[in-house]
Amino acid sequence: MHRLFVALRPPPAMREALFDVQDGVEGARWQDDEQLHLTLRYIGEVERPMAEDIATVLQGIRAPALDLALSGVGQFDAGRRGRALWAGVTPHDAVQALHHKIDHALVRLGLPPEGRAFLPHFTLARLNKSSGPTEPFLAGHAGIASPPMRFDHFVLYESHVGHAGAWYESVARYPLGSR
């Protein structure tokens, strides 16, 4: 089985800006460089033939390159996403359109549609019951912003889970913009 998701990888300058705010919550498991991504579509576990079909159908996605800027922070409290701290991006419309194109292509393959609302974000940290208070972090970084940065491709990743946590392997990279 292959556990897959489709995501945007932030450019180096944006990753640096995200690292600059990763502090101040005791017990938080901060994301490392290889873990930073904006999930466009979680796929989950699939057999190899379906994984190959997914990689192929994503080649047909046509969308413009995206210029996204960091915009604010927030927290997921519970539920399917778990407890996490995140940084948002703007504008939403272009990344939302890319999410819909990917979702529709995967549904045509026979995968179920995305079941949760799409909120474009970068997960900064995972929290657990012993994590410290997050209010100072949220207040201190509410104004996080960056200049717009170019995203000229999206990536199909495979997620692996080990004793040290999850790590992600890039399976394929797909260009955005004119081809």
C-alpha atoms as a PDB file:
ATOM      1  CA  MET A   1       0.000   0.000   0.000  1.00  0.00           C
ATOM      2  CA  HIS A   2       1.065   3.545  -0.760  1.00  0.00           C
ATOM      3  CA  ARG A   3      -0.091   6.433   1.453  1.00  0.00           C
ATOM      4  CA  LEU A   4      -0.273   9.449  -0.876  1.00  0.00           C
ATOM      5  CA  PHE A   5      -1.069  13.157  -0.877  1.00  0.00           C
ATOM      6  CA  VAL A   6      -0.679  16.057  -3.294  1.00  0.00           C
ATOM      7  CA  ALA A   7       0.943  19.257  -2.041  1.00  0.00           C
ATOM      8  CA  LEU A   8       2.751  22.496  -2.737  1.00  0.00           C
ATOM      9  CA  ARG A   9       6.320  22.748  -1.448  1.00  0.00           C
ATOM     10  CA  PRO A  10       7.145  26.253  -0.198  1.00  0.00           C
ATOM     11  CA  PRO A  11      10.147  27.992  -1.773  1.00  0.00           C
ATOM     12  CA  PRO A  12      13.258  28.385   0.436  1.00  0.00           C
ATOM     13  CA  ALA A  13      12.517  32.002   1.449  1.00  0.00           C
ATOM     14  CA  MET A  14       9.028  31.034   2.617  1.00  0.00           C
ATOM     15  CA  ARG A  15      10.377  28.024   4.528  1.00  0.00           C
ATOM     16  CA  GLU A  16      12.800  30.366   6.321  1.00  0.00           C
ATOM     17  CA  ALA A  17       9.928  32.667   7.288  1.00  0.00           C
ATOM     18  CA  LEU A  18       8.020  29.661   8.636  1.00  0.00           C
ATOM     19  CA  PHE A  19      11.033  28.458  10.635  1.00  0.00           C
ATOM     20  CA  ASP A  20      11.393  31.937  12.159  1.00  0.00           C
ATOM     21  CA  VAL A  21       8.086  31.525  14.019  1.00  0.00           C
ATOM     22  CA  GLN A  22       8.565  27.919  15.137  1.00  0.00           C
ATOM     23  CA  ASP A  23       9.114  28.455  18.838  1.00  0.00           C
ATOM     24  CA  GLY A  24       7.306  29.382  21.995  1.00  0.00           C
ATOM     25  CA  VAL A  25       4.989  26.413  22.635  1.00  0.00           C
ATOM     26  CA  GLU A  26       6.386  23.889  25.073  1.00  0.00           C
ATOM     27  CA  GLY A  27       5.973  20.298  23.936  1.00  0.00           C
ATOM     28  CA  ALA A  28       5.043  21.208  20.349  1.00  0.00           C
ATOM     29  CA  ARG A  29       6.496  18.948  17.649  1.00  0.00           C
ATOM     30  CA  TRP A  30       7.680  21.524  15.125  1.00  0.00           C
ATOM     31  CA  GLN A  31       7.807  20.517  11.475  1.00  0.00           C
ATOM     32  CA  ASP A  32      11.246  20.186   9.933  1.00  0.00           C
ATOM     33  CA  ASP A  33      12.279  21.395   6.492  1.00  0.00           C
ATOM     34  CA  GLU A  34      11.248  18.208   4.696  1.00  0.00           C
ATOM     35  CA  GLN A  35       7.794  18.206   6.309  1.00  0.00           C
ATOM     36  CA  LEU A  36       6.722  21.723   5.298  1.00  0.00           C
ATOM     37  CA  HIS A  37       4.041  21.600   2.607  1.00  0.00           C
ATOM     38  CA  LEU A  38       0.563  22.859   1.781  1.00  0.00           C
ATOM     39  CA  THR A  39      -1.693  19.844   1.221  1.00  0.00           C
ATOM     40  CA  LEU A  40      -3.822  20.239  -1.887  1.00  0.00           C
ATOM     41  CA  ARG A  41      -5.467  16.805  -1.597  1.00  0.00           C
ATOM     42  CA  TYR A  42      -4.998  13.960   0.852  1.00  0.00           C
ATOM     43  CA  ILE A  43      -5.436  10.645  -0.941  1.00  0.00           C
ATOM     44  CA  GLY A  44      -4.648   8.014   1.685  1.00  0.00           C
ATOM     45  CA  GLU A  45      -3.649   4.410   1.183  1.00  0.00           C
ATOM     46  CA  VAL A  46      -3.941   2.919  -2.287  1.00  0.00           C
ATOM     47  CA  GLU A  47      -2.605  -0.156  -4.051  1.00  0.00           C
ATOM     48  CA  ARG A  48       0.239   0.191  -6.558  1.00  0.00           C
ATOM     49  CA  PRO A  49      -1.948   0.140  -9.722  1.00  0.00           C
ATOM     50  CA  MET A  50      -4.086   2.996  -8.367  1.00  0.00           C
ATOM     51  CA  ALA A  51      -0.939   4.894  -7.303  1.00  0.00           C
ATOM     52  CA  GLU A  52       0.323   4.632 -10.879  1.00  0.00           C
ATOM     53  CA  ASP A  53      -3.034   5.842 -12.238  1.00  0.00           C
ATOM     54  CA  ILE A  54      -2.953   8.792  -9.832  1.00  0.00           C
ATOM     55  CA  ALA A  55       0.545   9.757 -10.980  1.00  0.00           C
ATOM     56  CA  THR A  56      -0.633   9.601 -14.591  1.00  0.00           C
ATOM     57  CA  VAL A  57      -3.878  11.561 -14.166  1.00  0.00           C
ATOM     58  CA  LEU A  58      -2.066  14.367 -12.326  1.00  0.00           C
ATOM     59  CA  GLN A  59       0.030  14.927 -15.472  1.00  0.00           C
ATOM     60  CA  GLY A  60      -3.138  16.246 -17.118  1.00  0.00           C
ATOM     61  CA  ILE A  61      -3.715  19.034 -14.588  1.00  0.00           C
ATOM     62  CA  ARG A  62      -3.357  22.443 -16.232  1.00  0.00           C
ATOM     63  CA  ALA A  63      -3.255  25.455 -13.949  1.00  0.00           C
ATOM     64  CA  PRO A  64      -1.337  28.726 -13.734  1.00  0.00           C
ATOM     65  CA  ALA A  65       1.633  29.159 -11.446  1.00  0.00           C
ATOM     66  CA  LEU A  66       0.603  30.563  -8.063  1.00  0.00           C
ATOM     67  CA  ASP A  67       1.893  33.632  -6.244  1.00  0.00           C
ATOM     68  CA  LEU A  68       1.102  33.036  -2.569  1.00  0.00           C
ATOM     69  CA  ALA A  69       1.961  35.028   0.536  1.00  0.00           C
ATOM     70  CA  LEU A  70       1.947  33.980   4.185  1.00  0.00           C
ATOM     71  CA  SER A  71      -0.997  35.464   6.049  1.00  0.00           C
ATOM     72  CA  GLY A  72      -1.664  34.866   9.732  1.00  0.00           C
ATOM     73  CA  VAL A  73      -1.532  31.822  11.996  1.00  0.00           C
ATOM     74  CA  GLY A  74      -4.159  29.624  13.574  1.00  0.00           C
ATOM     75  CA  GLN A  75      -4.842  26.420  15.413  1.00  0.00           C
ATOM     76  CA  PHE A  76      -6.827  23.282  14.693  1.00  0.00           C
ATOM     77  CA  ASP A  77      -8.159  22.085  18.019  1.00  0.00           C
ATOM     78  CA  ALA A  78      -9.266  18.532  17.328  1.00  0.00           C
ATOM     79  CA  GLY A  79     -11.001  16.266  14.890  1.00  0.00           C
ATOM     80  CA  ARG A  80      -9.544  14.596  11.843  1.00  0.00           C
ATOM     81  CA  ARG A  81      -6.748  17.127  11.473  1.00  0.00           C
ATOM     82  CA  GLY A  82      -5.635  16.720  15.083  1.00  0.00           C
ATOM     83  CA  ARG A  83      -4.299  19.521  17.205  1.00  0.00           C
ATOM     84  CA  ALA A  84      -1.914  21.660  15.207  1.00  0.00           C
ATOM     85  CA  LEU A  85      -0.575  25.164  14.702  1.00  0.00           C
ATOM     86  CA  TRP A  86      -0.605  26.480  11.146  1.00  0.00           C
ATOM     87  CA  ALA A  87       0.261  29.462   8.941  1.00  0.00           C
ATOM     88  CA  GLY A  88      -2.219  30.585   6.307  1.00  0.00           C
ATOM     89  CA  VAL A  89      -1.706  31.849   2.778  1.00  0.00           C
ATOM     90  CA  THR A  90      -3.387  34.349   0.460  1.00  0.00           C
ATOM     91  CA  PRO A  91      -4.935  34.611  -2.039  1.00  0.00           C
ATOM     92  CA  HIS A  92      -7.225  31.619  -1.555  1.00  0.00           C
ATOM     93  CA  ASP A  93      -8.950  31.644  -4.956  1.00  0.00           C
ATOM     94  CA  ALA A  94      -6.056  30.363  -7.088  1.00  0.00           C
ATOM     95  CA  VAL A  95      -4.997  27.618  -4.688  1.00  0.00           C
ATOM     96  CA  GLN A  96      -8.667  26.671  -4.184  1.00  0.00           C
ATOM     97  CA  ALA A  97      -9.059  26.308  -7.966  1.00  0.00           C
ATOM     98  CA  LEU A  98      -6.002  24.041  -8.134  1.00  0.00           C
ATOM     99  CA  HIS A  99      -7.371  21.958  -5.246  1.00  0.00           C
ATOM    100  CA  HIS A 100     -10.683  21.518  -7.105  1.00  0.00           C
ATOM    101  CA  LYS A 101      -8.967  20.472 -10.348  1.00  0.00           C
ATOM    102  CA  ILE A 102      -6.918  17.856  -8.516  1.00  0.00           C
ATOM    103  CA  ASP A 103      -9.917  16.624  -6.523  1.00  0.00           C
ATOM    104  CA  HIS A 104     -12.088  16.283  -9.656  1.00  0.00           C
ATOM    105  CA  ALA A 105      -9.343  14.398 -11.520  1.00  0.00           C
ATOM    106  CA  LEU A 106      -8.992  11.951  -8.615  1.00  0.00           C
ATOM    107  CA  VAL A 107     -12.760  11.482  -8.313  1.00  0.00           C
ATOM    108  CA  ARG A 108     -12.874  10.588 -12.021  1.00  0.00           C
ATOM    109  CA  LEU A 109     -10.378   7.831 -11.194  1.00  0.00           C
ATOM    110  CA  GLY A 110     -12.815   6.420  -8.650  1.00  0.00           C
ATOM    111  CA  LEU A 111     -11.462   7.927  -5.430  1.00  0.00           C
ATOM    112  CA  PRO A 112     -13.977   9.486  -3.043  1.00  0.00           C
ATOM    113  CA  PRO A 113     -14.199  13.293  -3.132  1.00  0.00           C
ATOM    114  CA  GLU A 114     -12.424  15.318  -0.480  1.00  0.00           C
ATOM    115  CA  GLY A 115     -14.683  15.124   2.545  1.00  0.00           C
ATOM    116  CA  ARG A 116     -13.475  18.115   4.513  1.00  0.00           C
ATOM    117  CA  ALA A 117     -13.422  21.829   3.878  1.00  0.00           C
ATOM    118  CA  PHE A 118     -10.253  23.036   2.183  1.00  0.00           C
ATOM    119  CA  LEU A 119      -8.238  25.598   4.169  1.00  0.00           C
ATOM    120  CA  PRO A 120      -4.894  26.308   2.509  1.00  0.00           C
ATOM    121  CA  HIS A 121      -2.206  26.284   5.204  1.00  0.00           C
ATOM    122  CA  PHE A 122       1.234  25.088   6.230  1.00  0.00           C
ATOM    123  CA  THR A 123       1.254  22.982   9.382  1.00  0.00           C
ATOM    124  CA  LEU A 124       3.897  24.411  11.701  1.00  0.00           C
ATOM    125  CA  ALA A 125       3.605  22.071  14.692  1.00  0.00           C
ATOM    126  CA  ARG A 126       1.679  19.119  16.036  1.00  0.00           C
ATOM    127  CA  LEU A 127       0.340  19.431  19.556  1.00  0.00           C
ATOM    128  CA  ASN A 128      -0.542  16.861  22.187  1.00  0.00           C
ATOM    129  CA  LYS A 129      -2.181  16.941  25.608  1.00  0.00           C
ATOM    130  CA  SER A 130       1.087  17.899  27.291  1.00  0.00           C
ATOM    131  CA  SER A 131       1.809  20.829  24.949  1.00  0.00           C
ATOM    132  CA  GLY A 132       1.932  24.210  26.604  1.00  0.00           C
ATOM    133  CA  PRO A 133      -0.489  27.093  26.021  1.00  0.00           C
ATOM    134  CA  THR A 134      -0.728  28.345  22.454  1.00  0.00           C
ATOM    135  CA  GLU A 135      -2.348  31.730  23.049  1.00  0.00           C
ATOM    136  CA  PRO A 136       0.970  33.642  23.306  1.00  0.00           C
ATOM    137  CA  PHE A 137       2.176  32.059  20.052  1.00  0.00           C
ATOM    138  CA  LEU A 138      -1.080  32.863  18.248  1.00  0.00           C
ATOM    139  CA  ALA A 139      -1.124  36.458  19.501  1.00  0.00           C
ATOM    140  CA  GLY A 140       2.564  37.015  18.821  1.00  0.00           C
ATOM    141  CA  HIS A 141       2.428  35.759  15.239  1.00  0.00           C
ATOM    142  CA  ALA A 142      -1.094  36.786  14.181  1.00  0.00           C
ATOM    143  CA  GLY A 143       0.394  39.334  11.807  1.00  0.00           C
ATOM    144  CA  ILE A 144       2.783  36.979  10.024  1.00  0.00           C
ATOM    145  CA  ALA A 145       3.005  38.016   6.397  1.00  0.00           C
ATOM    146  CA  SER A 146       5.389  37.665   3.508  1.00  0.00           C
ATOM    147  CA  PRO A 147       5.670  39.049   0.022  1.00  0.00           C
ATOM    148  CA  PRO A 148       4.026  36.835  -2.611  1.00  0.00           C
ATOM    149  CA  MET A 149       6.253  33.971  -3.705  1.00  0.00           C
ATOM    150  CA  ARG A 150       5.999  31.870  -6.857  1.00  0.00           C
ATOM    151  CA  PHE A 151       4.846  28.249  -6.768  1.00  0.00           C
ATOM    152  CA  ASP A 152       5.561  26.773 -10.195  1.00  0.00           C
ATOM    153  CA  HIS A 153       4.867  23.108  -9.499  1.00  0.00           C
ATOM    154  CA  PHE A 154       2.972  20.725  -7.248  1.00  0.00           C
ATOM    155  CA  VAL A 155       4.131  17.361  -5.933  1.00  0.00           C
ATOM    156  CA  LEU A 156       2.718  13.882  -5.397  1.00  0.00           C
ATOM    157  CA  TYR A 157       4.148  12.634  -2.106  1.00  0.00           C
ATOM    158  CA  GLU A 158       4.217   9.287  -0.392  1.00  0.00           C
ATOM    159  CA  SER A 159       4.040   9.421   3.399  1.00  0.00           C
ATOM    160  CA  HIS A 160       6.022   6.953   5.488  1.00  0.00           C
ATOM    161  CA  VAL A 161       5.614   6.555   9.241  1.00  0.00           C
ATOM    162  CA  GLY A 162       8.456   5.421  11.480  1.00  0.00           C
ATOM    163  CA  HIS A 163       9.580   5.646  15.087  1.00  0.00           C
ATOM    164  CA  ALA A 164      10.739   9.230  14.571  1.00  0.00           C
ATOM    165  CA  GLY A 165       7.417  10.274  12.992  1.00  0.00           C
ATOM    166  CA  ALA A 166       6.319  10.821   9.418  1.00  0.00           C
ATOM    167  CA  TRP A 167       8.624  11.526   6.509  1.00  0.00           C
ATOM    168  CA  TYR A 168       7.643  12.330   2.964  1.00  0.00           C
ATOM    169  CA  GLU A 169       9.046  11.059  -0.298  1.00  0.00           C
ATOM    170  CA  SER A 170       8.495  13.010  -3.505  1.00  0.00           C
ATOM    171  CA  VAL A 171       7.032  10.606  -6.074  1.00  0.00           C
ATOM    172  CA  ALA A 172       6.450  13.027  -8.967  1.00  0.00           C
ATOM    173  CA  ARG A 173       6.576  16.752  -9.662  1.00  0.00           C
ATOM    174  CA  TYR A 174       4.066  18.500 -11.942  1.00  0.00           C
ATOM    175  CA  PRO A 175       4.647  21.946 -13.471  1.00  0.00           C
ATOM    176  CA  LEU A 176       2.222  24.830 -13.152  1.00  0.00           C
ATOM    177  CA  GLY A 177       1.964  27.562 -15.750  1.00  0.00           C
ATOM    178  CA  SER A 178       2.337  27.287 -19.484  1.00  0.00           C
ATOM    179  CA  ARG A 179       3.722  24.033 -20.820  1.00  0.00           C
END
